Amino acid sequence: MVTPETLQPKRVSDSYRWMQLVLGVICMVMIANLQYGWTFFVPEIQKTFGFDRAAIQWAFTLFVLFETWLVPIEGWFVDKYGPKVVILFGGILCGVGWVINAYAGSLNAFYLGQVIAGLGAGAVYGTCVGNALKWFPDKRGLASGITAAGFGAGSALTVASIQWMIADKGFQAAFLYFGIGQGVIVAALAFFLSAPRKGQIPDVSSNNANVQSRRNYTPSEVVRQPIFWLMYFMYVIVGAGGLMITANLKPIAADIGVDKVPVTLLGVTMVAITFAATIDRVLNGLTRPFFGWVSDKIGRENTMFIAFAMEGFGIYMLYLWGHDPLWFVLLSGFVFFAWGEIYSLFPSTCTDTFGSKFAATNAGLLYTAKGTAALLVPIANYLQQGTGSWDGVFLAAAGANILASVLAIAVLKPWRKRVVANAQSEVDVTTGAKVAVA
């Protein structure tokens, strides 16, 4: 006799869940250069066309805006139709965007290329993170951190080769060949990705460190929750500092005179900017699963408090000691290590609070804060040009991180606990059905 129980999908093996995670990580590695490789193209674009640097960096801002602000729409497609079609769409757009950059001869053409690349990167990023959150309710911080690490550290694999191609073949060739190669790989992997069905994964669990809601908030409900906007504000002020340094790492190094100075660490010698970029990418990737795992153990907000305070301290020390080539390399690495964890902590906190059914869409709504933060990148450039120094930018970014650190422990932590407790009172924990509240 066929019963609903026999029709329900069986629990999948952990190896299958990890395979889905690995596929998502590879996709993230393939789109990492779209954001983290941009800094190497800026000086060459400026030298070739004579554009104002701040005007060029609007292309980076447009990339981040379109990468983030449309993720909720792409997440809706993922939640409704699954990841395959969205990843395929994203891979194609990533390739097209950089091909346009390869043939661009005006600022508007670069803006168009970055808009299209941003749309593609957002589709891939939002899908892979959302899928990780769904497959691993029992290891949400770690899973989202490992996935985000592919994006943070992926470009470390190609820092040297992309700079070599720019120097030897020109930045147009680097845009063309890397764009096509990365886009094709993402599109091919799309056909192997899938979303979990009910019964295939462990049930939602809570521990003393992290409480997880059994109520699934719809996206329209989420944006009406004041606590969502607190998370959003924190995301913006922390994200802005890291994006500013990401977009301007090479220009900052050049302005303070350390970019071409050889630095030796552990027997390895490179010029400061190449060394810093390589270390930064690696640490920016490692921090995501590391702090995600830590947050699974000690709580999301406690981890935010530690990481954001580290970030504020690191940026302040970069302001004080960054003129020394060795300290520039070490402190920029520290800053990226303390910054990259936002891409595991915020989506896992969002899904813990608002449920996993609409995880891709809801995490995507929060991810738009990265786009909002990107609006501050050109402002940082204008501030630097107006004052002739990066000092004011560094101090503002350090202060913003300290503020977010305090908000995490003093406001977000007790508030989120109340929100989840109130949601639990509206849900029958046995059946998961919403019940009336007296």
Protein backbone atom coordinates (compact mmCIF):
# COMPACT_ATOMS: atom_id res chain seq x y z
CA MET A 1 0.00 0.00 0.00
CA VAL A 2 1.32 3.43 -0.96
CA THR A 3 1.27 5.90 1.90
CA PRO A 4 2.52 9.49 2.20
CA GLU A 5 5.41 8.09 4.24
CA THR A 6 6.54 5.77 1.44
CA LEU A 7 6.36 8.61 -1.10
CA GLN A 8 8.46 10.95 1.04
CA PRO A 9 12.12 11.12 -0.10
CA LYS A 10 14.58 9.25 2.09
CA ARG A 11 17.35 10.95 4.01
CA VAL A 12 20.36 11.42 1.73
CA SER A 13 23.87 10.50 2.79
CA ASP A 14 26.20 13.09 4.22
CA SER A 15 28.55 12.47 1.30
CA TYR A 16 25.82 13.61 -1.10
CA ARG A 17 25.24 16.76 0.91
CA TRP A 18 28.97 17.49 0.88
CA MET A 19 29.10 16.87 -2.86
CA GLN A 20 26.45 19.55 -3.37
CA LEU A 21 28.47 21.88 -1.16
CA VAL A 22 31.68 21.24 -3.11
CA LEU A 23 29.95 21.97 -6.42
CA GLY A 24 28.77 25.28 -4.99
CA VAL A 25 32.28 26.10 -3.78
CA ILE A 26 33.75 25.50 -7.25
CA CYS A 27 31.16 27.83 -8.76
CA MET A 28 32.10 30.47 -6.20
CA VAL A 29 35.81 30.09 -7.01
CA MET A 30 35.00 30.72 -10.68
CA ILE A 31 33.30 34.07 -9.98
CA ALA A 32 35.79 35.32 -7.35
CA ASN A 33 37.92 37.29 -9.83
CA LEU A 34 34.94 39.38 -10.85
CA GLN A 35 35.20 41.18 -7.52
CA TYR A 36 38.65 40.49 -6.11
CA GLY A 37 40.58 40.71 -9.38
CA TRP A 38 39.17 44.12 -10.28
CA THR A 39 41.82 46.08 -8.34
CA PHE A 40 44.52 44.85 -10.77
CA PHE A 41 42.67 46.26 -13.78
CA VAL A 42 42.05 49.76 -12.38
CA PRO A 43 45.58 51.20 -12.86
CA GLU A 44 45.78 49.75 -16.38
CA ILE A 45 42.39 51.16 -17.38
CA GLN A 46 43.43 54.54 -15.97
CA LYS A 47 46.79 54.44 -17.79
CA THR A 48 45.25 53.37 -21.11
CA PHE A 49 42.30 55.74 -21.25
CA GLY A 50 43.17 58.50 -18.77
CA PHE A 51 39.90 58.15 -16.88
CA ASP A 52 39.58 59.57 -13.36
CA ARG A 53 40.14 56.81 -10.81
CA ALA A 54 36.96 57.58 -8.87
CA ALA A 55 34.99 57.43 -12.13
CA ILE A 56 36.51 54.03 -12.92
CA GLN A 57 35.56 52.77 -9.46
CA TRP A 58 31.91 53.51 -10.19
CA ALA A 59 32.16 50.42 -12.39
CA PHE A 60 33.09 48.41 -9.28
CA THR A 61 30.20 49.95 -7.38
CA LEU A 62 27.78 49.10 -10.18
CA PHE A 63 29.09 45.54 -10.19
CA VAL A 64 28.42 45.16 -6.46
CA LEU A 65 25.02 46.85 -6.69
CA PHE A 66 23.78 44.53 -9.43
CA GLU A 67 25.49 41.56 -7.78
CA THR A 68 23.53 42.16 -4.58
CA TRP A 69 20.33 44.09 -5.12
CA LEU A 70 18.81 41.54 -7.52
CA VAL A 71 19.78 38.51 -5.43
CA PRO A 72 16.33 38.43 -3.72
CA ILE A 73 14.68 38.03 -7.15
CA GLU A 74 17.20 35.38 -8.17
CA GLY A 75 16.70 33.74 -4.77
CA TRP A 76 12.95 33.60 -5.40
CA PHE A 77 13.62 31.67 -8.62
CA VAL A 78 15.95 29.32 -6.70
CA ASP A 79 13.38 28.72 -3.94
CA LYS A 80 10.67 28.05 -6.54
CA TYR A 81 12.46 26.30 -9.42
CA GLY A 82 15.75 25.03 -7.98
CA PRO A 83 19.36 26.08 -8.54
CA LYS A 84 20.15 24.71 -12.02
CA VAL A 85 18.57 27.35 -14.23
CA VAL A 86 19.78 30.25 -12.09
CA ILE A 87 23.40 29.02 -12.00
CA LEU A 88 23.35 28.44 -15.77
CA PHE A 89 21.99 31.93 -16.34
CA GLY A 90 24.59 33.40 -13.98
CA GLY A 91 27.55 31.63 -15.57
CA ILE A 92 26.64 32.91 -19.02
CA LEU A 93 26.28 36.48 -17.79
CA CYS A 94 29.61 36.35 -15.92
CA GLY A 95 31.38 35.44 -19.13
CA VAL A 96 29.54 38.03 -21.23
CA GLY A 97 30.29 40.81 -18.73
CA TRP A 98 34.05 40.35 -18.87
CA VAL A 99 34.02 39.93 -22.67
CA ILE A 100 32.37 43.36 -22.85
CA ASN A 101 35.11 44.74 -20.57
CA ALA A 102 37.71 43.27 -22.92
CA TYR A 103 36.41 45.38 -25.80
CA ALA A 104 35.35 48.45 -23.81
CA GLY A 105 36.72 51.82 -24.86
CA SER A 106 34.61 54.13 -22.72
CA LEU A 107 33.48 54.41 -19.13
CA ASN A 108 29.92 53.59 -20.14
CA ALA A 109 31.08 50.36 -21.77
CA PHE A 110 32.93 49.34 -18.60
CA TYR A 111 29.84 50.22 -16.58
CA LEU A 112 27.72 47.99 -18.84
CA GLY A 113 30.18 45.12 -18.59
CA GLN A 114 30.26 45.36 -14.82
CA VAL A 115 26.47 45.53 -14.56
CA ILE A 116 26.12 42.31 -16.57
CA ALA A 117 28.94 40.61 -14.66
CA GLY A 118 27.30 41.71 -11.41
CA LEU A 119 23.98 40.17 -12.42
CA GLY A 120 25.74 36.90 -13.18
CA ALA A 121 27.85 36.88 -10.02
CA GLY A 122 24.81 37.62 -7.87
CA ALA A 123 22.86 34.75 -9.43
CA VAL A 124 25.70 32.33 -8.71
CA TYR A 125 26.55 33.68 -5.25
CA GLY A 126 22.99 33.86 -3.95
CA THR A 127 22.14 30.40 -5.27
CA CYS A 128 25.21 28.67 -3.84
CA VAL A 129 24.91 30.25 -0.38
CA GLY A 130 21.15 29.65 -0.25
CA ASN A 131 21.63 26.03 -1.26
CA ALA A 132 24.26 25.51 1.45
CA LEU A 133 21.94 26.96 4.09
CA LYS A 134 19.22 24.52 3.03
CA TRP A 135 21.38 21.38 2.83
CA PHE A 136 23.02 21.91 6.25
CA PRO A 137 20.56 23.08 8.94
CA ASP A 138 22.78 21.24 11.43
CA LYS A 139 25.99 23.02 10.38
CA ARG A 140 24.66 26.25 8.95
CA GLY A 141 27.53 28.54 9.92
CA LEU A 142 30.18 26.14 8.69
CA ALA A 143 28.40 25.30 5.43
CA SER A 144 27.71 28.91 4.47
CA GLY A 145 31.27 29.79 5.50
CA ILE A 146 32.85 27.09 3.33
CA THR A 147 30.71 28.18 0.38
CA ALA A 148 31.52 31.85 0.86
CA ALA A 149 35.20 30.91 1.21
CA GLY A 150 35.21 29.88 -2.43
CA PHE A 151 34.35 33.46 -3.32
CA GLY A 152 36.74 35.01 -0.82
CA ALA A 153 39.76 32.82 -1.53
CA GLY A 154 39.06 31.72 -5.08
CA SER A 155 40.98 34.55 -6.70
CA ALA A 156 44.10 33.65 -4.66
CA LEU A 157 44.63 30.82 -7.13
CA THR A 158 44.96 33.30 -9.99
CA VAL A 159 46.47 36.45 -8.42
CA ALA A 160 49.87 35.84 -10.02
CA SER A 161 48.55 34.55 -13.36
CA ILE A 162 46.04 37.35 -13.85
CA GLN A 163 48.74 39.96 -13.11
CA TRP A 164 51.10 38.15 -15.50
CA MET A 165 48.53 38.17 -18.28
CA ILE A 166 47.78 41.85 -17.71
CA ALA A 167 51.49 42.68 -17.88
CA ASP A 168 52.30 40.38 -20.82
CA LYS A 169 49.14 40.36 -22.94
CA GLY A 170 47.28 43.43 -21.72
CA PHE A 171 44.27 43.83 -19.46
CA GLN A 172 41.89 43.27 -22.39
CA ALA A 173 43.22 39.76 -22.93
CA ALA A 174 42.92 39.00 -19.22
CA PHE A 175 39.28 40.11 -19.24
CA LEU A 176 38.56 38.02 -22.36
CA TYR A 177 40.21 34.71 -21.51
CA PHE A 178 39.44 34.63 -17.80
CA GLY A 179 35.87 35.74 -18.46
CA ILE A 180 35.14 33.01 -21.00
CA GLY A 181 36.89 30.28 -18.99
CA GLN A 182 35.18 31.09 -15.71
CA GLY A 183 31.74 31.46 -17.30
CA VAL A 184 31.92 28.13 -19.15
CA ILE A 185 32.88 26.18 -16.02
CA VAL A 186 30.02 27.68 -13.96
CA ALA A 187 27.48 26.96 -16.70
CA ALA A 188 28.63 23.34 -16.94
CA LEU A 189 28.40 22.75 -13.17
CA ALA A 190 24.83 24.08 -13.10
CA PHE A 191 23.51 20.75 -14.39
CA PHE A 192 24.76 18.87 -11.31
CA LEU A 193 23.28 21.09 -8.61
CA SER A 194 20.01 20.35 -6.82
CA ALA A 195 18.03 21.57 -3.81
CA PRO A 196 17.04 19.28 -0.91
CA ARG A 197 13.49 17.98 -0.63
CA LYS A 198 11.63 17.48 2.61
CA GLY A 199 12.89 14.41 4.44
CA GLN A 200 16.29 14.36 2.75
CA ILE A 201 18.08 16.44 5.39
CA PRO A 202 18.21 16.65 9.22
CA ASP A 203 15.52 18.57 11.08
CA VAL A 204 16.13 22.09 12.36
CA SER A 205 18.00 21.97 15.65
CA SER A 206 18.81 24.43 18.40
CA ASN A 207 21.55 24.51 20.99
CA ASN A 208 22.56 26.78 23.80
CA ALA A 209 24.66 28.89 21.43
CA ASN A 210 22.20 29.33 18.55
CA VAL A 211 18.43 29.24 18.55
CA GLN A 212 16.79 28.43 15.22
CA SER A 213 13.26 29.35 14.31
CA ARG A 214 10.88 26.61 13.20
CA ARG A 215 8.67 29.23 11.67
CA ASN A 216 9.42 30.04 8.02
CA TYR A 217 8.96 33.76 7.42
CA THR A 218 8.06 34.82 3.89
CA PRO A 219 10.22 37.57 2.34
CA SER A 220 7.38 40.08 2.71
CA GLU A 221 7.24 39.28 6.44
CA VAL A 222 11.01 39.55 6.84
CA VAL A 223 11.25 43.11 5.53
CA ARG A 224 8.61 44.14 8.09
CA GLN A 225 10.75 42.88 10.97
CA PRO A 226 12.76 45.68 12.66
CA ILE A 227 15.48 43.21 13.64
CA PHE A 228 16.11 42.56 9.95
CA TRP A 229 16.94 46.23 9.46
CA LEU A 230 19.34 46.16 12.41
CA MET A 231 21.19 43.28 10.72
CA TYR A 232 21.08 45.26 7.47
CA PHE A 233 22.61 48.35 9.06
CA MET A 234 25.37 46.31 10.67
CA TYR A 235 26.08 44.55 7.38
CA VAL A 236 26.42 47.91 5.60
CA ILE A 237 28.82 49.55 8.03
CA VAL A 238 31.05 46.48 8.30
CA GLY A 239 30.90 45.68 4.59
CA ALA A 240 31.83 49.18 3.45
CA GLY A 241 35.33 49.13 4.95
CA GLY A 242 36.25 45.78 3.43
CA LEU A 243 34.86 46.71 0.01
CA MET A 244 36.78 49.98 0.05
CA ILE A 245 40.05 48.12 0.64
CA THR A 246 39.12 45.39 -1.86
CA ALA A 247 38.54 47.92 -4.65
CA ASN A 248 41.51 50.12 -3.76
CA LEU A 249 44.20 47.75 -2.46
CA LYS A 250 46.62 48.46 -5.29
CA PRO A 251 45.89 52.21 -5.48
CA ILE A 252 46.35 52.48 -1.69
CA ALA A 253 49.65 50.62 -1.88
CA ALA A 254 50.79 52.87 -4.74
CA ASP A 255 49.71 56.07 -2.99
CA ILE A 256 51.67 55.23 0.17
CA GLY A 257 54.65 54.01 -1.84
CA VAL A 258 54.81 50.33 -0.89
CA ASP A 259 53.32 48.57 -3.92
CA LYS A 260 56.59 47.68 -5.65
CA VAL A 261 58.76 47.14 -2.57
CA PRO A 262 59.98 43.52 -2.17
CA VAL A 263 58.82 41.80 1.02
CA THR A 264 60.14 38.49 2.37
CA LEU A 265 58.02 36.23 4.59
CA LEU A 266 58.85 32.64 5.52
CA GLY A 267 61.54 32.53 2.87
CA VAL A 268 59.24 33.77 0.09
CA THR A 269 59.89 37.13 -1.58
CA MET A 270 57.34 39.08 -3.65
CA VAL A 271 56.58 42.74 -4.19
CA ALA A 272 54.29 44.01 -1.45
CA ILE A 273 51.10 44.33 -3.51
CA THR A 274 51.32 40.79 -4.95
CA PHE A 275 52.18 39.36 -1.53
CA ALA A 276 49.36 41.28 0.15
CA ALA A 277 46.80 40.33 -2.51
CA THR A 278 47.69 36.64 -2.29
CA ILE A 279 47.62 36.51 1.51
CA ASP A 280 44.47 38.62 1.65
CA ARG A 281 42.57 36.29 -0.65
CA VAL A 282 43.62 33.19 1.26
CA LEU A 283 42.76 34.64 4.68
CA ASN A 284 39.55 36.20 3.36
CA GLY A 285 38.54 32.69 2.35
CA LEU A 286 39.70 30.83 5.45
CA THR A 287 37.93 33.23 7.80
CA ARG A 288 34.49 32.33 6.43
CA PRO A 289 34.38 28.65 7.40
CA PHE A 290 36.49 29.34 10.50
CA PHE A 291 34.23 31.96 12.00
CA GLY A 292 31.17 30.09 10.68
CA TRP A 293 32.32 27.03 12.63
CA VAL A 294 33.08 29.20 15.68
CA SER A 295 29.60 30.71 15.49
CA ASP A 296 28.06 27.21 15.44
CA LYS A 297 29.85 26.62 18.76
CA ILE A 298 29.67 29.95 20.67
CA GLY A 299 26.82 31.79 18.92
CA ARG A 300 26.49 34.15 15.95
CA GLU A 301 26.42 37.39 17.92
CA ASN A 302 29.34 36.47 20.19
CA THR A 303 31.38 35.69 17.08
CA MET A 304 30.35 38.97 15.46
CA PHE A 305 31.51 40.87 18.53
CA ILE A 306 34.96 39.28 18.34
CA ALA A 307 35.40 39.53 14.57
CA PHE A 308 34.14 43.09 14.14
CA ALA A 309 36.33 44.30 17.00
CA MET A 310 39.32 42.60 15.33
CA GLU A 311 38.44 44.34 12.06
CA GLY A 312 38.25 47.76 13.67
CA PHE A 313 41.60 47.21 15.39
CA GLY A 314 43.21 45.94 12.18
CA ILE A 315 42.09 48.91 10.08
CA TYR A 316 43.30 51.33 12.76
CA MET A 317 46.71 49.63 12.86
CA LEU A 318 46.86 49.74 9.06
CA TYR A 319 46.31 53.49 9.35
CA LEU A 320 49.19 53.73 11.84
CA TRP A 321 51.71 51.28 10.35
CA GLY A 322 50.65 50.68 6.74
CA HIS A 323 53.49 52.79 5.33
CA ASP A 324 55.91 49.99 6.22
CA PRO A 325 55.81 47.36 3.40
CA LEU A 326 56.00 44.37 5.75
CA TRP A 327 53.30 45.71 8.04
CA PHE A 328 51.18 46.61 5.01
CA VAL A 329 51.24 42.95 3.94
CA LEU A 330 50.60 41.57 7.43
CA LEU A 331 47.91 44.05 8.47
CA SER A 332 46.00 43.94 5.19
CA GLY A 333 45.87 40.16 5.66
CA PHE A 334 44.60 40.61 9.22
CA VAL A 335 41.95 43.06 8.02
CA PHE A 336 40.66 40.65 5.37
CA PHE A 337 40.68 37.77 7.86
CA ALA A 338 38.51 39.79 10.23
CA TRP A 339 36.21 41.06 7.46
CA GLY A 340 35.33 38.08 5.27
CA GLU A 341 33.32 36.32 7.97
CA ILE A 342 30.34 38.62 7.36
CA TYR A 343 29.51 36.39 4.40
CA SER A 344 28.97 33.40 6.67
CA LEU A 345 27.70 35.05 9.85
CA PHE A 346 24.95 37.20 8.39
CA PRO A 347 23.26 34.60 6.12
CA SER A 348 23.36 31.96 8.84
CA THR A 349 21.98 34.43 11.40
CA CYS A 350 19.24 35.43 8.96
CA THR A 351 18.23 31.81 8.30
CA ASP A 352 18.38 30.92 12.01
CA THR A 353 15.99 33.80 12.68
CA PHE A 354 13.58 33.54 9.75
CA GLY A 355 13.62 29.83 8.78
CA SER A 356 15.03 27.84 5.86
CA LYS A 357 12.09 27.48 3.46
CA PHE A 358 12.79 30.87 1.87
CA ALA A 359 16.49 30.91 2.80
CA ALA A 360 17.79 31.92 -0.63
CA THR A 361 15.37 34.85 -0.93
CA ASN A 362 15.66 36.07 2.67
CA ALA A 363 19.45 35.80 2.77
CA GLY A 364 19.42 37.56 -0.59
CA LEU A 365 17.42 40.43 0.88
CA LEU A 366 20.08 40.83 3.56
CA TYR A 367 22.86 40.45 0.99
CA THR A 368 21.65 43.63 -0.74
CA ALA A 369 23.34 45.44 2.15
CA LYS A 370 26.62 44.70 0.40
CA GLY A 371 25.34 46.72 -2.56
CA THR A 372 24.36 49.58 -0.29
CA ALA A 373 27.83 49.45 1.27
CA ALA A 374 29.39 49.60 -2.21
CA LEU A 375 27.89 53.08 -2.66
CA LEU A 376 30.41 54.27 -0.10
CA VAL A 377 33.42 53.09 -2.16
CA PRO A 378 33.43 56.06 -4.60
CA ILE A 379 32.79 58.37 -1.62
CA ALA A 380 35.98 57.02 -0.04
CA ASN A 381 37.84 57.82 -3.27
CA TYR A 382 36.49 61.36 -3.35
CA LEU A 383 37.46 61.82 0.31
CA GLN A 384 40.97 60.59 -0.43
CA GLN A 385 41.28 62.88 -3.45
CA GLY A 386 39.99 65.85 -1.48
CA THR A 387 42.36 65.37 1.45
CA GLY A 388 45.29 63.76 -0.37
CA SER A 389 45.33 61.00 2.25
CA TRP A 390 43.62 57.73 3.12
CA ASP A 391 43.73 58.54 6.85
CA GLY A 392 40.13 59.76 7.14
CA VAL A 393 38.82 56.72 5.28
CA PHE A 394 40.73 54.32 7.56
CA LEU A 395 39.53 56.03 10.73
CA ALA A 396 35.88 56.07 9.62
CA ALA A 397 36.00 52.38 8.69
CA ALA A 398 37.64 51.43 12.00
CA GLY A 399 34.99 53.32 13.98
CA ALA A 400 32.14 51.71 12.02
CA ASN A 401 33.43 48.23 12.86
CA ILE A 402 33.70 49.00 16.56
CA LEU A 403 30.10 50.27 16.51
CA ALA A 404 28.91 47.06 14.82
CA SER A 405 30.80 44.98 17.38
CA VAL A 406 28.96 46.66 20.24
CA LEU A 407 25.58 46.40 18.49
CA ALA A 408 26.06 42.65 17.97
CA ILE A 409 26.48 41.81 21.62
CA ALA A 410 24.40 44.53 23.29
CA VAL A 411 21.41 44.80 20.93
CA LEU A 412 21.19 42.02 18.33
CA LYS A 413 21.82 39.09 20.68
CA PRO A 414 19.02 39.74 23.24
CA TRP A 415 16.64 41.02 20.56
CA ARG A 416 17.04 37.96 18.31
CA LYS A 417 16.49 35.63 21.26
CA ARG A 418 13.12 37.31 21.94
CA VAL A 419 12.11 37.25 18.27
CA VAL A 420 12.80 33.51 17.92
CA ALA A 421 11.05 32.74 21.21
CA ASN A 422 7.96 34.66 20.10
CA ALA A 423 7.95 32.84 16.75
CA GLN A 424 8.16 29.49 18.54
CA SER A 425 5.02 30.32 20.48
CA GLU A 426 3.16 30.63 17.15
CA VAL A 427 4.23 27.22 15.86
CA ASP A 428 3.29 23.71 16.86
CA VAL A 429 6.76 22.19 17.26
CA THR A 430 5.49 18.69 16.59
CA THR A 431 3.80 19.27 13.24
CA GLY A 432 5.46 22.57 12.27
CA ALA A 433 2.01 24.04 11.62
CA LYS A 434 1.17 27.57 12.60
CA VAL A 435 -1.34 27.79 15.43
CA ALA A 436 -3.39 30.58 16.82
CA VAL A 437 -1.94 32.68 19.56
CA ALA A 438 -4.22 33.81 22.33
